């Protein structure tokens, strides 16, 4: 019986970004340098497949520094940590490596610079997300106000409306963030924004590719983890851009084939912490059921690379 035809649109860019590449490399290089076990505070990136692979090589993932012994190296995840974490590691004379994405570090520096200038900080982000916790933790507790929606802007109480600045989580929806910024600048016309947008290039590029791809597709799948902010945003962006069915899947086993019954086109992309091997697994699953014609939807070419910390470039 012949397979039904299917046009498979593949977004580019998709999958790993430079910050994720660097973070994974840091764990691998730390294991090479110091041997196992190497401790990692929080998932190095939000992807079970990646974390499980590093665990097999000898990485031990913990949520708090208190779970780490003094005599083994510890790595801080790509999402960044509050200042209290490296301070505590130093107090215990621990060897630690900071795998915070340089674009997240840029936001940390920005928040500190504004605070040093006497401005009260407002953060646009998701409560409880590790990156939000890390960024807000650059300043004393209570000094940073969090807003998640335009409606939140009306509810916050500030010290001085003339002395405000804002920063954003790097993995947000570009369009949603623009609405919150509009609400902030409308209520607080003097508020100071970032010199350069805080939402990272990889998040923006993946969302733009989805916007270009979504109107062509009967359905769209985003390969990514359920705790990955940038992956969940891709699903939302796809739905808003005209794709009636957009879903997040971790692997090919998660595909709901009944929901895709009768489609003639599918769009596939992946969040910034999803490896290409999982994207190929999903593509192969469609090739086993359909006569697939692949089309690339490319909206940007990425050639960013971040160096690993100096401590890992020298032998133990």
C-alpha atoms as a PDB file:
ATOM      1  CA  UNK A   1       0.000   0.000   0.000  1.00  0.00           C
ATOM      2  CA  UNK A   2       1.527   3.356  -1.029  1.00  0.00           C
ATOM      3  CA  UNK A   3       2.332   5.854   1.704  1.00  0.00           C
ATOM      4  CA  UNK A   4       0.358   9.115   1.698  1.00  0.00           C
ATOM      5  CA  UNK A   5       2.335  12.156   0.497  1.00  0.00           C
ATOM      6  CA  UNK A   6       3.535  14.677   3.079  1.00  0.00           C
ATOM      7  CA  UNK A   7       5.446  17.930   2.727  1.00  0.00           C
ATOM      8  CA  UNK A   8       7.779  18.297   5.703  1.00  0.00           C
ATOM      9  CA  UNK A   9       8.905  21.863   6.347  1.00  0.00           C
ATOM     10  CA  UNK A  10      12.078  22.020   8.421  1.00  0.00           C
ATOM     11  CA  UNK A  11      12.817  25.287  10.226  1.00  0.00           C
ATOM     12  CA  UNK A  12      16.280  26.818  10.183  1.00  0.00           C
ATOM     13  CA  UNK A  13      17.689  27.832  12.555  1.00  0.00           C
ATOM     14  CA  UNK A  14      16.502  25.157  15.003  1.00  0.00           C
ATOM     15  CA  UNK A  15      17.939  23.187  17.905  1.00  0.00           C
ATOM     16  CA  UNK A  16      21.174  23.865  19.759  1.00  0.00           C
ATOM     17  CA  UNK A  17      22.390  27.437  20.191  1.00  0.00           C
ATOM     18  CA  UNK A  18      25.909  28.593  21.050  1.00  0.00           C
ATOM     19  CA  UNK A  19      25.152  28.936  24.775  1.00  0.00           C
ATOM     20  CA  UNK A  20      23.839  25.359  24.991  1.00  0.00           C
ATOM     21  CA  UNK A  21      26.770  24.012  22.958  1.00  0.00           C
ATOM     22  CA  UNK A  22      29.175  25.753  25.318  1.00  0.00           C
ATOM     23  CA  UNK A  23      27.419  24.521  28.483  1.00  0.00           C
ATOM     24  CA  UNK A  24      27.469  20.871  27.385  1.00  0.00           C
ATOM     25  CA  UNK A  25      31.106  21.202  26.324  1.00  0.00           C
ATOM     26  CA  UNK A  26      31.948  22.624  29.775  1.00  0.00           C
ATOM     27  CA  UNK A  27      30.567  19.521  31.523  1.00  0.00           C
ATOM     28  CA  UNK A  28      32.356  17.174  29.102  1.00  0.00           C
ATOM     29  CA  UNK A  29      35.663  19.040  29.475  1.00  0.00           C
ATOM     30  CA  UNK A  30      35.321  19.121  33.276  1.00  0.00           C
ATOM     31  CA  UNK A  31      34.866  15.340  33.296  1.00  0.00           C
ATOM     32  CA  UNK A  32      37.971  14.967  31.103  1.00  0.00           C
ATOM     33  CA  UNK A  33      39.998  17.283  33.344  1.00  0.00           C
ATOM     34  CA  UNK A  34      38.932  16.166  36.817  1.00  0.00           C
ATOM     35  CA  UNK A  35      37.331  12.772  36.204  1.00  0.00           C
ATOM     36  CA  UNK A  36      33.966  11.638  37.570  1.00  0.00           C
ATOM     37  CA  UNK A  37      32.001  12.642  39.466  1.00  0.00           C
ATOM     38  CA  UNK A  38      31.545  16.274  38.509  1.00  0.00           C
ATOM     39  CA  UNK A  39      28.528  17.934  40.118  1.00  0.00           C
ATOM     40  CA  UNK A  40      26.141  20.169  38.177  1.00  0.00           C
ATOM     41  CA  UNK A  41      23.783  22.537  40.007  1.00  0.00           C
ATOM     42  CA  UNK A  42      20.438  22.274  38.192  1.00  0.00           C
ATOM     43  CA  UNK A  43      20.052  20.665  34.741  1.00  0.00           C
ATOM     44  CA  UNK A  44      22.890  22.059  32.610  1.00  0.00           C
ATOM     45  CA  UNK A  45      20.284  22.678  29.877  1.00  0.00           C
ATOM     46  CA  UNK A  46      16.604  21.778  29.835  1.00  0.00           C
ATOM     47  CA  UNK A  47      16.681  18.520  27.892  1.00  0.00           C
ATOM     48  CA  UNK A  48      16.327  15.038  29.417  1.00  0.00           C
ATOM     49  CA  UNK A  49      18.220  13.294  26.584  1.00  0.00           C
ATOM     50  CA  UNK A  50      21.221  15.615  27.042  1.00  0.00           C
ATOM     51  CA  UNK A  51      21.138  15.394  30.850  1.00  0.00           C
ATOM     52  CA  UNK A  52      20.854  11.580  30.796  1.00  0.00           C
ATOM     53  CA  UNK A  53      23.806  11.371  28.380  1.00  0.00           C
ATOM     54  CA  UNK A  54      26.001  13.500  30.665  1.00  0.00           C
ATOM     55  CA  UNK A  55      24.854  11.529  33.713  1.00  0.00           C
ATOM     56  CA  UNK A  56      26.086   8.334  32.039  1.00  0.00           C
ATOM     57  CA  UNK A  57      29.513   9.982  31.611  1.00  0.00           C
ATOM     58  CA  UNK A  58      29.732  10.809  35.328  1.00  0.00           C
ATOM     59  CA  UNK A  59      27.894  14.104  35.869  1.00  0.00           C
ATOM     60  CA  UNK A  60      25.785  14.268  39.048  1.00  0.00           C
ATOM     61  CA  UNK A  61      22.863  16.693  38.839  1.00  0.00           C
ATOM     62  CA  UNK A  62      21.672  18.387  42.025  1.00  0.00           C
ATOM     63  CA  UNK A  63      19.352  21.285  42.771  1.00  0.00           C
ATOM     64  CA  UNK A  64      21.350  22.975  45.529  1.00  0.00           C
ATOM     65  CA  UNK A  65      25.007  23.563  46.316  1.00  0.00           C
ATOM     66  CA  UNK A  66      24.444  21.997  49.752  1.00  0.00           C
ATOM     67  CA  UNK A  67      24.105  18.622  47.993  1.00  0.00           C
ATOM     68  CA  UNK A  68      27.680  18.866  46.642  1.00  0.00           C
ATOM     69  CA  UNK A  69      30.805  17.683  48.511  1.00  0.00           C
ATOM     70  CA  UNK A  70      33.583  20.243  49.088  1.00  0.00           C
ATOM     71  CA  UNK A  71      36.218  18.197  47.257  1.00  0.00           C
ATOM     72  CA  UNK A  72      34.582  17.747  43.830  1.00  0.00           C
ATOM     73  CA  UNK A  73      34.126  20.358  41.067  1.00  0.00           C
ATOM     74  CA  UNK A  74      30.685  21.881  40.596  1.00  0.00           C
ATOM     75  CA  UNK A  75      29.292  23.504  37.452  1.00  0.00           C
ATOM     76  CA  UNK A  76      26.551  26.142  37.396  1.00  0.00           C
ATOM     77  CA  UNK A  77      23.941  25.661  34.651  1.00  0.00           C
ATOM     78  CA  UNK A  78      23.549  27.704  31.480  1.00  0.00           C
ATOM     79  CA  UNK A  79      20.532  29.486  33.007  1.00  0.00           C
ATOM     80  CA  UNK A  80      22.673  31.362  35.533  1.00  0.00           C
ATOM     81  CA  UNK A  81      22.619  31.451  39.337  1.00  0.00           C
ATOM     82  CA  UNK A  82      22.061  34.071  42.058  1.00  0.00           C
ATOM     83  CA  UNK A  83      25.234  35.745  43.388  1.00  0.00           C
ATOM     84  CA  UNK A  84      24.791  33.850  46.652  1.00  0.00           C
ATOM     85  CA  UNK A  85      25.707  30.555  44.930  1.00  0.00           C
ATOM     86  CA  UNK A  86      29.296  31.345  43.801  1.00  0.00           C
ATOM     87  CA  UNK A  87      29.769  33.224  47.094  1.00  0.00           C
ATOM     88  CA  UNK A  88      28.846  30.050  49.000  1.00  0.00           C
ATOM     89  CA  UNK A  89      31.143  27.947  46.778  1.00  0.00           C
ATOM     90  CA  UNK A  90      34.043  30.331  47.477  1.00  0.00           C
ATOM     91  CA  UNK A  91      33.359  30.192  51.210  1.00  0.00           C
ATOM     92  CA  UNK A  92      33.719  26.395  51.024  1.00  0.00           C
ATOM     93  CA  UNK A  93      36.888  26.617  48.866  1.00  0.00           C
ATOM     94  CA  UNK A  94      35.173  24.617  46.130  1.00  0.00           C
ATOM     95  CA  UNK A  95      36.375  24.363  42.538  1.00  0.00           C
ATOM     96  CA  UNK A  96      33.503  25.684  40.420  1.00  0.00           C
ATOM     97  CA  UNK A  97      32.923  26.501  36.765  1.00  0.00           C
ATOM     98  CA  UNK A  98      30.210  28.921  35.688  1.00  0.00           C
ATOM     99  CA  UNK A  99      28.456  27.672  32.520  1.00  0.00           C
ATOM    100  CA  UNK A 100      26.005  30.609  32.472  1.00  0.00           C
ATOM    101  CA  UNK A 101      25.268  31.572  28.869  1.00  0.00           C
ATOM    102  CA  UNK A 102      27.196  34.779  28.069  1.00  0.00           C
ATOM    103  CA  UNK A 103      23.941  36.387  26.893  1.00  0.00           C
ATOM    104  CA  UNK A 104      22.390  35.713  30.314  1.00  0.00           C
ATOM    105  CA  UNK A 105      25.536  37.076  31.982  1.00  0.00           C
ATOM    106  CA  UNK A 106      25.044  40.236  29.908  1.00  0.00           C
ATOM    107  CA  UNK A 107      21.618  40.696  31.531  1.00  0.00           C
ATOM    108  CA  UNK A 108      23.160  40.132  34.999  1.00  0.00           C
ATOM    109  CA  UNK A 109      25.754  42.852  34.358  1.00  0.00           C
ATOM    110  CA  UNK A 110      23.055  45.169  33.033  1.00  0.00           C
ATOM    111  CA  UNK A 111      20.910  44.711  36.167  1.00  0.00           C
ATOM    112  CA  UNK A 112      23.883  45.434  38.429  1.00  0.00           C
ATOM    113  CA  UNK A 113      24.888  48.513  36.402  1.00  0.00           C
ATOM    114  CA  UNK A 114      21.381  49.997  36.613  1.00  0.00           C
ATOM    115  CA  UNK A 115      21.196  49.272  40.350  1.00  0.00           C
ATOM    116  CA  UNK A 116      24.593  50.932  40.869  1.00  0.00           C
ATOM    117  CA  UNK A 117      23.174  53.997  39.112  1.00  0.00           C
ATOM    118  CA  UNK A 118      20.350  54.125  41.663  1.00  0.00           C
ATOM    119  CA  UNK A 119      17.615  52.703  39.435  1.00  0.00           C
ATOM    120  CA  UNK A 120      15.057  50.221  40.741  1.00  0.00           C
ATOM    121  CA  UNK A 121      14.954  47.080  38.569  1.00  0.00           C
ATOM    122  CA  UNK A 122      11.917  45.483  36.964  1.00  0.00           C
ATOM    123  CA  UNK A 123      12.361  42.041  35.404  1.00  0.00           C
ATOM    124  CA  UNK A 124      10.136  40.678  32.647  1.00  0.00           C
ATOM    125  CA  UNK A 125      10.222  36.906  33.097  1.00  0.00           C
ATOM    126  CA  UNK A 126       8.538  33.738  34.330  1.00  0.00           C
ATOM    127  CA  UNK A 127       8.328  33.262  38.078  1.00  0.00           C
ATOM    128  CA  UNK A 128      10.286  30.237  39.265  1.00  0.00           C
ATOM    129  CA  UNK A 129      12.297  29.815  36.061  1.00  0.00           C
ATOM    130  CA  UNK A 130      16.009  29.276  36.896  1.00  0.00           C
ATOM    131  CA  UNK A 131      17.072  32.172  34.678  1.00  0.00           C
ATOM    132  CA  UNK A 132      14.654  34.564  36.385  1.00  0.00           C
ATOM    133  CA  UNK A 133      15.809  33.378  39.823  1.00  0.00           C
ATOM    134  CA  UNK A 134      19.459  33.850  38.779  1.00  0.00           C
ATOM    135  CA  UNK A 135      18.958  37.329  37.346  1.00  0.00           C
ATOM    136  CA  UNK A 136      16.858  38.600  40.255  1.00  0.00           C
ATOM    137  CA  UNK A 137      19.458  37.093  42.584  1.00  0.00           C
ATOM    138  CA  UNK A 138      22.150  39.451  41.275  1.00  0.00           C
ATOM    139  CA  UNK A 139      20.672  42.110  43.563  1.00  0.00           C
ATOM    140  CA  UNK A 140      19.551  41.990  47.214  1.00  0.00           C
ATOM    141  CA  UNK A 141      16.286  40.157  47.853  1.00  0.00           C
ATOM    142  CA  UNK A 142      13.263  42.355  47.184  1.00  0.00           C
ATOM    143  CA  UNK A 143      15.175  44.866  45.044  1.00  0.00           C
ATOM    144  CA  UNK A 144      13.872  43.472  41.734  1.00  0.00           C
ATOM    145  CA  UNK A 145      10.160  43.531  40.820  1.00  0.00           C
ATOM    146  CA  UNK A 146       8.927  40.716  38.542  1.00  0.00           C
ATOM    147  CA  UNK A 147       6.252  41.186  35.872  1.00  0.00           C
ATOM    148  CA  UNK A 148       4.962  38.310  33.739  1.00  0.00           C
ATOM    149  CA  UNK A 149       2.116  39.993  31.821  1.00  0.00           C
ATOM    150  CA  UNK A 150       1.027  43.490  30.738  1.00  0.00           C
ATOM    151  CA  UNK A 151      -1.645  43.273  33.475  1.00  0.00           C
ATOM    152  CA  UNK A 152       1.073  42.864  36.139  1.00  0.00           C
ATOM    153  CA  UNK A 153       2.496  46.270  35.230  1.00  0.00           C
ATOM    154  CA  UNK A 154      -0.588  48.023  36.639  1.00  0.00           C
ATOM    155  CA  UNK A 155      -0.202  46.207  39.982  1.00  0.00           C
ATOM    156  CA  UNK A 156       3.419  46.909  40.907  1.00  0.00           C
ATOM    157  CA  UNK A 157       4.412  49.567  43.434  1.00  0.00           C
ATOM    158  CA  UNK A 158       7.705  51.326  42.682  1.00  0.00           C
ATOM    159  CA  UNK A 159       9.915  53.542  44.833  1.00  0.00           C
ATOM    160  CA  UNK A 160      10.226  56.335  42.257  1.00  0.00           C
ATOM    161  CA  UNK A 161       8.647  56.232  38.768  1.00  0.00           C
ATOM    162  CA  UNK A 162      11.488  58.459  37.501  1.00  0.00           C
ATOM    163  CA  UNK A 163      14.209  55.986  38.625  1.00  0.00           C
ATOM    164  CA  UNK A 164      13.400  52.680  36.930  1.00  0.00           C
ATOM    165  CA  UNK A 165      15.027  50.244  34.498  1.00  0.00           C
ATOM    166  CA  UNK A 166      13.956  46.867  33.112  1.00  0.00           C
ATOM    167  CA  UNK A 167      15.636  43.692  31.918  1.00  0.00           C
ATOM    168  CA  UNK A 168      14.091  40.540  30.429  1.00  0.00           C
ATOM    169  CA  UNK A 169      14.543  36.793  30.532  1.00  0.00           C
ATOM    170  CA  UNK A 170      16.402  35.793  27.343  1.00  0.00           C
ATOM    171  CA  UNK A 171      13.993  33.027  26.255  1.00  0.00           C
ATOM    172  CA  UNK A 172      10.671  34.876  26.088  1.00  0.00           C
ATOM    173  CA  UNK A 173       8.288  35.361  23.180  1.00  0.00           C
ATOM    174  CA  UNK A 174       9.413  38.464  21.303  1.00  0.00           C
ATOM    175  CA  UNK A 175       5.813  39.587  20.698  1.00  0.00           C
ATOM    176  CA  UNK A 176       4.623  38.966  24.277  1.00  0.00           C
ATOM    177  CA  UNK A 177       7.613  40.857  25.658  1.00  0.00           C
ATOM    178  CA  UNK A 178       6.932  43.798  23.338  1.00  0.00           C
ATOM    179  CA  UNK A 179       3.399  44.064  24.825  1.00  0.00           C
ATOM    180  CA  UNK A 180       4.811  44.134  28.380  1.00  0.00           C
ATOM    181  CA  UNK A 181       7.437  46.736  27.423  1.00  0.00           C
ATOM    182  CA  UNK A 182       4.670  48.882  25.924  1.00  0.00           C
ATOM    183  CA  UNK A 183       2.741  48.642  29.197  1.00  0.00           C
ATOM    184  CA  UNK A 184       5.862  49.599  31.179  1.00  0.00           C
ATOM    185  CA  UNK A 185       6.789  52.574  29.008  1.00  0.00           C
ATOM    186  CA  UNK A 186       3.172  53.780  28.989  1.00  0.00           C
ATOM    187  CA  UNK A 187       2.927  53.737  32.791  1.00  0.00           C
ATOM    188  CA  UNK A 188       6.553  54.778  33.426  1.00  0.00           C
ATOM    189  CA  UNK A 189       7.723  56.980  30.502  1.00  0.00           C
ATOM    190  CA  UNK A 190      11.153  57.530  32.117  1.00  0.00           C
ATOM    191  CA  UNK A 191      11.960  53.797  32.437  1.00  0.00           C
ATOM    192  CA  UNK A 192      15.346  52.779  30.995  1.00  0.00           C
ATOM    193  CA  UNK A 193      15.543  49.713  28.741  1.00  0.00           C
ATOM    194  CA  UNK A 194      18.487  47.554  27.666  1.00  0.00           C
ATOM    195  CA  UNK A 195      21.068  49.013  25.267  1.00  0.00           C
ATOM    196  CA  UNK A 196      20.473  45.933  23.121  1.00  0.00           C
ATOM    197  CA  UNK A 197      17.449  43.671  23.407  1.00  0.00           C
ATOM    198  CA  UNK A 198      17.832  41.058  26.153  1.00  0.00           C
ATOM    199  CA  UNK A 199      15.966  38.288  24.305  1.00  0.00           C
ATOM    200  CA  UNK A 200      18.803  36.271  22.815  1.00  0.00           C
ATOM    201  CA  UNK A 201      19.533  35.960  19.090  1.00  0.00           C
ATOM    202  CA  UNK A 202      18.771  32.219  19.124  1.00  0.00           C
ATOM    203  CA  UNK A 203      15.324  32.654  20.681  1.00  0.00           C
ATOM    204  CA  UNK A 204      14.492  35.434  18.205  1.00  0.00           C
ATOM    205  CA  UNK A 205      15.801  33.512  15.177  1.00  0.00           C
ATOM    206  CA  UNK A 206      13.890  30.329  16.033  1.00  0.00           C
ATOM    207  CA  UNK A 207      10.679  32.302  16.512  1.00  0.00           C
ATOM    208  CA  UNK A 208      11.137  34.092  13.160  1.00  0.00           C
ATOM    209  CA  UNK A 209      11.637  30.746  11.356  1.00  0.00           C
ATOM    210  CA  UNK A 210       8.438  29.416  12.960  1.00  0.00           C
ATOM    211  CA  UNK A 211       6.505  32.529  11.894  1.00  0.00           C
ATOM    212  CA  UNK A 212       7.642  31.954   8.292  1.00  0.00           C
ATOM    213  CA  UNK A 213       6.848  28.235   8.397  1.00  0.00           C
ATOM    214  CA  UNK A 214       3.550  28.134  10.328  1.00  0.00           C
ATOM    215  CA  UNK A 215       1.187  29.462   7.601  1.00  0.00           C
ATOM    216  CA  UNK A 216       2.381  26.704   5.218  1.00  0.00           C
ATOM    217  CA  UNK A 217       1.627  23.835   7.628  1.00  0.00           C
ATOM    218  CA  UNK A 218      -1.417  21.783   8.604  1.00  0.00           C
ATOM    219  CA  UNK A 219       0.413  20.977  11.838  1.00  0.00           C
ATOM    220  CA  UNK A 220       3.669  21.791  13.585  1.00  0.00           C
ATOM    221  CA  UNK A 221       5.829  19.914  16.087  1.00  0.00           C
ATOM    222  CA  UNK A 222       8.418  21.528  18.348  1.00  0.00           C
ATOM    223  CA  UNK A 223      11.062  19.119  19.621  1.00  0.00           C
ATOM    224  CA  UNK A 224      11.930  20.175  23.158  1.00  0.00           C
ATOM    225  CA  UNK A 225      11.471  19.591  26.869  1.00  0.00           C
ATOM    226  CA  UNK A 226       8.323  20.596  28.800  1.00  0.00           C
ATOM    227  CA  UNK A 227      10.470  22.685  31.187  1.00  0.00           C
ATOM    228  CA  UNK A 228      12.196  24.520  28.316  1.00  0.00           C
ATOM    229  CA  UNK A 229      10.895  28.096  28.153  1.00  0.00           C
ATOM    230  CA  UNK A 230      12.117  28.806  24.619  1.00  0.00           C
ATOM    231  CA  UNK A 231      10.587  25.533  23.318  1.00  0.00           C
ATOM    232  CA  UNK A 232       7.174  26.312  24.821  1.00  0.00           C
ATOM    233  CA  UNK A 233       7.328  29.799  23.315  1.00  0.00           C
ATOM    234  CA  UNK A 234       7.855  28.243  19.848  1.00  0.00           C
ATOM    235  CA  UNK A 235       4.583  26.317  20.217  1.00  0.00           C
ATOM    236  CA  UNK A 236       2.756  29.537  21.135  1.00  0.00           C
ATOM    237  CA  UNK A 237       4.360  31.479  18.278  1.00  0.00           C
ATOM    238  CA  UNK A 238       3.395  28.728  15.794  1.00  0.00           C
ATOM    239  CA  UNK A 239      -0.234  28.754  16.910  1.00  0.00           C
ATOM    240  CA  UNK A 240      -0.455  32.530  16.651  1.00  0.00           C
ATOM    241  CA  UNK A 241       1.231  32.568  13.243  1.00  0.00           C
ATOM    242  CA  UNK A 242      -1.527  30.498  11.676  1.00  0.00           C
ATOM    243  CA  UNK A 243      -0.807  26.831  12.368  1.00  0.00           C
ATOM    244  CA  UNK A 244      -3.966  25.270  13.807  1.00  0.00           C
ATOM    245  CA  UNK A 245      -2.161  22.370  15.523  1.00  0.00           C
ATOM    246  CA  UNK A 246       1.165  23.037  17.253  1.00  0.00           C
ATOM    247  CA  UNK A 247       2.532  20.633  19.847  1.00  0.00           C
ATOM    248  CA  UNK A 248       5.660  20.097  21.948  1.00  0.00           C
ATOM    249  CA  UNK A 249       7.238  16.620  21.786  1.00  0.00           C
ATOM    250  CA  UNK A 250      10.340  15.390  23.578  1.00  0.00           C
ATOM    251  CA  UNK A 251      10.943  12.487  21.201  1.00  0.00           C
ATOM    252  CA  UNK A 252       9.316  10.606  18.305  1.00  0.00           C
ATOM    253  CA  UNK A 253       7.495   8.338  20.800  1.00  0.00           C
ATOM    254  CA  UNK A 254       5.496  11.375  21.983  1.00  0.00           C
ATOM    255  CA  UNK A 255       3.912  12.111  18.582  1.00  0.00           C
ATOM    256  CA  UNK A 256       0.112  11.883  18.690  1.00  0.00           C
ATOM    257  CA  UNK A 257      -0.493  10.273  15.293  1.00  0.00           C
ATOM    258  CA  UNK A 258      -4.286  10.312  15.663  1.00  0.00           C
ATOM    259  CA  UNK A 259      -4.241  14.098  15.967  1.00  0.00           C
ATOM    260  CA  UNK A 260      -2.246  14.274  12.714  1.00  0.00           C
ATOM    261  CA  UNK A 261      -4.602  12.055  10.710  1.00  0.00           C
ATOM    262  CA  UNK A 262      -5.304  13.539   7.277  1.00  0.00           C
ATOM    263  CA  UNK A 263      -2.535  16.166   7.246  1.00  0.00           C
ATOM    264  CA  UNK A 264      -0.630  16.848   4.024  1.00  0.00           C
ATOM    265  CA  UNK A 265       2.041  19.122   5.504  1.00  0.00           C
ATOM    266  CA  UNK A 266       3.955  19.291   8.785  1.00  0.00           C
ATOM    267  CA  UNK A 267       6.417  21.829  10.162  1.00  0.00           C
ATOM    268  CA  UNK A 268       9.231  20.706  12.436  1.00  0.00           C
ATOM    269  CA  UNK A 269      11.488  22.828  14.606  1.00  0.00           C
ATOM    270  CA  UNK A 270      13.286  22.454  17.929  1.00  0.00           C
ATOM    271  CA  UNK A 271      14.067  24.505  20.993  1.00  0.00           C
ATOM    272  CA  UNK A 272      17.604  25.703  21.663  1.00  0.00           C
ATOM    273  CA  UNK A 273      18.398  22.819  24.030  1.00  0.00           C
ATOM    274  CA  UNK A 274      17.203  19.985  21.749  1.00  0.00           C
ATOM    275  CA  UNK A 275      19.958  18.013  19.947  1.00  0.00           C
ATOM    276  CA  UNK A 276      19.764  17.303  16.213  1.00  0.00           C
ATOM    277  CA  UNK A 277      19.640  13.536  16.862  1.00  0.00           C
ATOM    278  CA  UNK A 278      16.142  13.951  18.371  1.00  0.00           C
ATOM    279  CA  UNK A 279      14.985  16.104  15.439  1.00  0.00           C
ATOM    280  CA  UNK A 280      16.199  13.418  13.015  1.00  0.00           C
ATOM    281  CA  UNK A 281      14.377  10.779  15.066  1.00  0.00           C
ATOM    282  CA  UNK A 282      11.113  12.699  14.564  1.00  0.00           C
ATOM    283  CA  UNK A 283      11.768  13.164  10.836  1.00  0.00           C
ATOM    284  CA  UNK A 284      12.493   9.427  10.456  1.00  0.00           C
ATOM    285  CA  UNK A 285       9.198   8.622  12.206  1.00  0.00           C
ATOM    286  CA  UNK A 286       7.340  10.611   9.529  1.00  0.00           C
ATOM    287  CA  UNK A 287       9.345   8.966   6.731  1.00  0.00           C
ATOM    288  CA  UNK A 288       8.270   5.551   8.018  1.00  0.00           C
ATOM    289  CA  UNK A 289       4.586   6.502   7.618  1.00  0.00           C
ATOM    290  CA  UNK A 290       4.550   8.992   4.736  1.00  0.00           C
ATOM    291  CA  UNK A 291       6.107   9.631   1.345  1.00  0.00           C
ATOM    292  CA  UNK A 292       7.981  12.711   2.578  1.00  0.00           C
ATOM    293  CA  UNK A 293       9.146  15.699   0.557  1.00  0.00           C
ATOM    294  CA  UNK A 294      11.429  17.902   2.668  1.00  0.00           C
ATOM    295  CA  UNK A 295      11.575  21.684   2.331  1.00  0.00           C
ATOM    296  CA  UNK A 296      13.884  23.946   4.343  1.00  0.00           C
ATOM    297  CA  UNK A 297      12.440  27.206   5.708  1.00  0.00           C
ATOM    298  CA  UNK A 298      15.561  29.228   6.488  1.00  0.00           C
ATOM    299  CA  UNK A 299      15.284  32.747   7.857  1.00  0.00           C
ATOM    300  CA  UNK A 300      18.773  33.251   9.343  1.00  0.00           C
ATOM    301  CA  UNK A 301      22.243  31.691   9.413  1.00  0.00           C
ATOM    302  CA  UNK A 302      23.913  31.400  12.812  1.00  0.00           C
ATOM    303  CA  UNK A 303      27.677  31.326  13.261  1.00  0.00           C
ATOM    304  CA  UNK A 304      27.987  32.419  16.906  1.00  0.00           C
ATOM    305  CA  UNK A 305      30.483  30.604  19.111  1.00  0.00           C
ATOM    306  CA  UNK A 306      31.269  31.186  22.799  1.00  0.00           C
ATOM    307  CA  UNK A 307      34.585  30.262  24.403  1.00  0.00           C
ATOM    308  CA  UNK A 308      34.708  27.915  27.387  1.00  0.00           C
ATOM    309  CA  UNK A 309      36.116  29.297  30.662  1.00  0.00           C
ATOM    310  CA  UNK A 310      39.914  29.561  30.850  1.00  0.00           C
ATOM    311  CA  UNK A 311      40.152  27.062  33.725  1.00  0.00           C
ATOM    312  CA  UNK A 312      39.103  24.266  31.348  1.00  0.00           C
ATOM    313  CA  UNK A 313      41.635  25.172  28.662  1.00  0.00           C
ATOM    314  CA  UNK A 314      44.543  24.012  30.837  1.00  0.00           C
ATOM    315  CA  UNK A 315      45.330  20.485  32.046  1.00  0.00           C
ATOM    316  CA  UNK A 316      44.604  19.538  35.655  1.00  0.00           C
END
